[in-house]
C-alpha atoms as a PDB file:
ATOM      1  CA  MET A   1      -5.918 -16.775 -15.919  1.00  0.00           C
ATOM      2  CA  THR A   2      -9.053 -14.872 -16.186  1.00  0.00           C
ATOM      3  CA  ASP A   3     -10.235 -16.074 -13.141  1.00  0.00           C
ATOM      4  CA  ASP A   4      -6.833 -15.467 -11.206  1.00  0.00           C
ATOM      5  CA  ILE A   5      -7.240 -12.051 -11.921  1.00  0.00           C
ATOM      6  CA  GLN A   6     -10.566 -11.566 -11.167  1.00  0.00           C
ATOM      7  CA  ILE A   7      -9.979 -13.178  -7.341  1.00  0.00           C
ATOM      8  CA  ARG A   8      -6.883 -11.071  -6.888  1.00  0.00           C
ATOM      9  CA  ALA A   9      -8.890  -8.230  -7.973  1.00  0.00           C
ATOM     10  CA  SER A  10     -11.736  -8.950  -5.479  1.00  0.00           C
ATOM     11  CA  LYS A  11      -9.658  -9.939  -2.943  1.00  0.00           C
ATOM     12  CA  ALA A  12      -7.392  -6.432  -3.367  1.00  0.00           C
ATOM     13  CA  ARG A  13     -10.829  -4.744  -3.496  1.00  0.00           C
ATOM     14  CA  SER A  14     -11.965  -6.448  -0.164  1.00  0.00           C
ATOM     15  CA  LEU A  15      -8.580  -5.379   1.299  1.00  0.00           C
ATOM     16  CA  LEU A  16      -8.462  -2.003   0.343  1.00  0.00           C
ATOM     17  CA  ALA A  17     -11.963  -1.257   1.334  1.00  0.00           C
ATOM     18  CA  ASP A  18     -11.533  -3.004   4.725  1.00  0.00           C
ATOM     19  CA  ASP A  19     -11.898  -0.509   7.721  1.00  0.00           C
ATOM     20  CA  ASN A  20      -9.293  -2.562   9.958  1.00  0.00           C
ATOM     21  CA  PHE A  21      -6.469  -2.340   6.993  1.00  0.00           C
ATOM     22  CA  ARG A  22      -6.883   1.140   6.132  1.00  0.00           C
ATOM     23  CA  THR A  23      -6.678   2.329   9.963  1.00  0.00           C
ATOM     24  CA  LEU A  24      -3.610  -0.245  10.086  1.00  0.00           C
ATOM     25  CA  MET A  25      -1.932   1.264   6.777  1.00  0.00           C
ATOM     26  CA  GLN A  26      -2.784   5.343   8.380  1.00  0.00           C
ATOM     27  CA  GLU A  27      -1.479   4.613  11.391  1.00  0.00           C
ATOM     28  CA  LEU A  28       1.713   2.937  10.050  1.00  0.00           C
ATOM     29  CA  ARG A  29       2.143   6.130   7.810  1.00  0.00           C
ATOM     30  CA  GLN A  30       1.468   7.956  10.908  1.00  0.00           C
ATOM     31  CA  ARG A  31       4.308   6.310  12.907  1.00  0.00           C
ATOM     32  CA  GLN A  32       6.744   6.849  10.188  1.00  0.00           C
ATOM     33  CA  THR A  33       5.913  10.587   9.525  1.00  0.00           C
ATOM     34  CA  GLU A  34       6.327  11.170  13.241  1.00  0.00           C
ATOM     35  CA  ILE A  35       9.789   9.669  13.086  1.00  0.00           C
ATOM     36  CA  PHE A  36      10.786  11.485  10.279  1.00  0.00           C
ATOM     37  CA  PHE A  37       9.863  14.804  11.432  1.00  0.00           C
ATOM     38  CA  ASN A  38      10.826  13.919  15.133  1.00  0.00           C
ATOM     39  CA  SER A  39      14.102  13.127  14.373  1.00  0.00           C
ATOM     40  CA  ALA A  40      17.386  14.781  15.252  1.00  0.00           C
ATOM     41  CA  PRO A  41      19.323  15.944  12.315  1.00  0.00           C
ATOM     42  CA  SER A  42      22.102  13.234  12.897  1.00  0.00           C
ATOM     43  CA  ASP A  43      19.584  10.464  13.056  1.00  0.00           C
ATOM     44  CA  THR A  44      19.946  10.137   9.065  1.00  0.00           C
ATOM     45  CA  GLU A  45      19.450   6.306   9.476  1.00  0.00           C
ATOM     46  CA  LEU A  46      16.478   6.585  11.527  1.00  0.00           C
ATOM     47  CA  ARG A  47      15.002   8.766   8.545  1.00  0.00           C
ATOM     48  CA  GLU A  48      16.114   6.439   5.977  1.00  0.00           C
ATOM     49  CA  GLU A  49      14.240   3.592   7.772  1.00  0.00           C
ATOM     50  CA  ALA A  50      11.213   5.681   8.025  1.00  0.00           C
ATOM     51  CA  TYR A  51      11.332   6.414   4.334  1.00  0.00           C
ATOM     52  CA  SER A  52      11.877   2.969   3.285  1.00  0.00           C
ATOM     53  CA  MET A  53       8.887   1.839   5.478  1.00  0.00           C
ATOM     54  CA  MET A  54       6.743   4.596   3.494  1.00  0.00           C
ATOM     55  CA  SER A  55       8.108   3.350   0.326  1.00  0.00           C
ATOM     56  CA  ALA A  56       6.999  -0.257   1.217  1.00  0.00           C
ATOM     57  CA  LEU A  57       3.958   0.942   2.481  1.00  0.00           C
ATOM     58  CA  ASN A  58       3.164   2.506  -0.923  1.00  0.00           C
ATOM     59  CA  LYS A  59       4.281  -0.089  -3.149  1.00  0.00           C
ATOM     60  CA  ILE A  60       1.887  -2.661  -0.999  1.00  0.00           C
ATOM     61  CA  GLU A  61      -1.040  -0.181  -1.969  1.00  0.00           C
ATOM     62  CA  ALA A  62      -0.016   0.042  -5.434  1.00  0.00           C
ATOM     63  CA  HIS A  63       0.126  -3.613  -5.927  1.00  0.00           C
ATOM     64  CA  LEU A  64      -3.211  -3.846  -4.535  1.00  0.00           C
ATOM     65  CA  GLU A  65      -4.383  -1.167  -7.082  1.00  0.00           C
ATOM     66  CA  SER A  66      -2.696  -2.791  -9.719  1.00  0.00           C
ATOM     67  CA  ALA A  67      -4.512  -5.999  -9.622  1.00  0.00           C
ATOM     68  CA  ILE A  68      -7.966  -3.995  -9.717  1.00  0.00           C
ATOM     69  CA  THR A  69      -6.367  -2.447 -12.912  1.00  0.00           C
ATOM     70  CA  ASP A  70      -5.689  -5.755 -14.299  1.00  0.00           C
ATOM     71  CA  GLU A  71      -9.226  -6.742 -14.054  1.00  0.00           C
ATOM     72  CA  LYS A  72     -10.586  -3.662 -15.771  1.00  0.00           C
ATOM     73  CA  ILE A  73      -8.191  -4.274 -18.623  1.00  0.00           C
ATOM     74  CA  LEU A  74      -9.450  -7.921 -18.665  1.00  0.00           C
ATOM     75  CA  LYS A  75     -13.056  -6.577 -18.893  1.00  0.00           C
ATOM     76  CA  LYS A  76     -12.440  -3.855 -21.633  1.00  0.00           C
ATOM     77  CA  ARG A  77     -10.788  -6.559 -23.863  1.00  0.00           C
ATOM     78  CA  LYS A  78     -13.822  -8.738 -23.577  1.00  0.00           C
END
């Protein structure tokens, strides 16, 4: 179990530090922001989709951060 946590944390750290990943996440966020701000008042469904996508992107990053936090907690317990 300890090895699994460390491997997940290592992979998460690598991904969060990867310029390509960060650029991709930034581009995806920017697209959703543009959709949200440039939609017509009647485009409720489009804005809800953009909001859902932003929430999903946040959850992905939170999941990666959680893996790193799990490793920190594991190290403090040792």
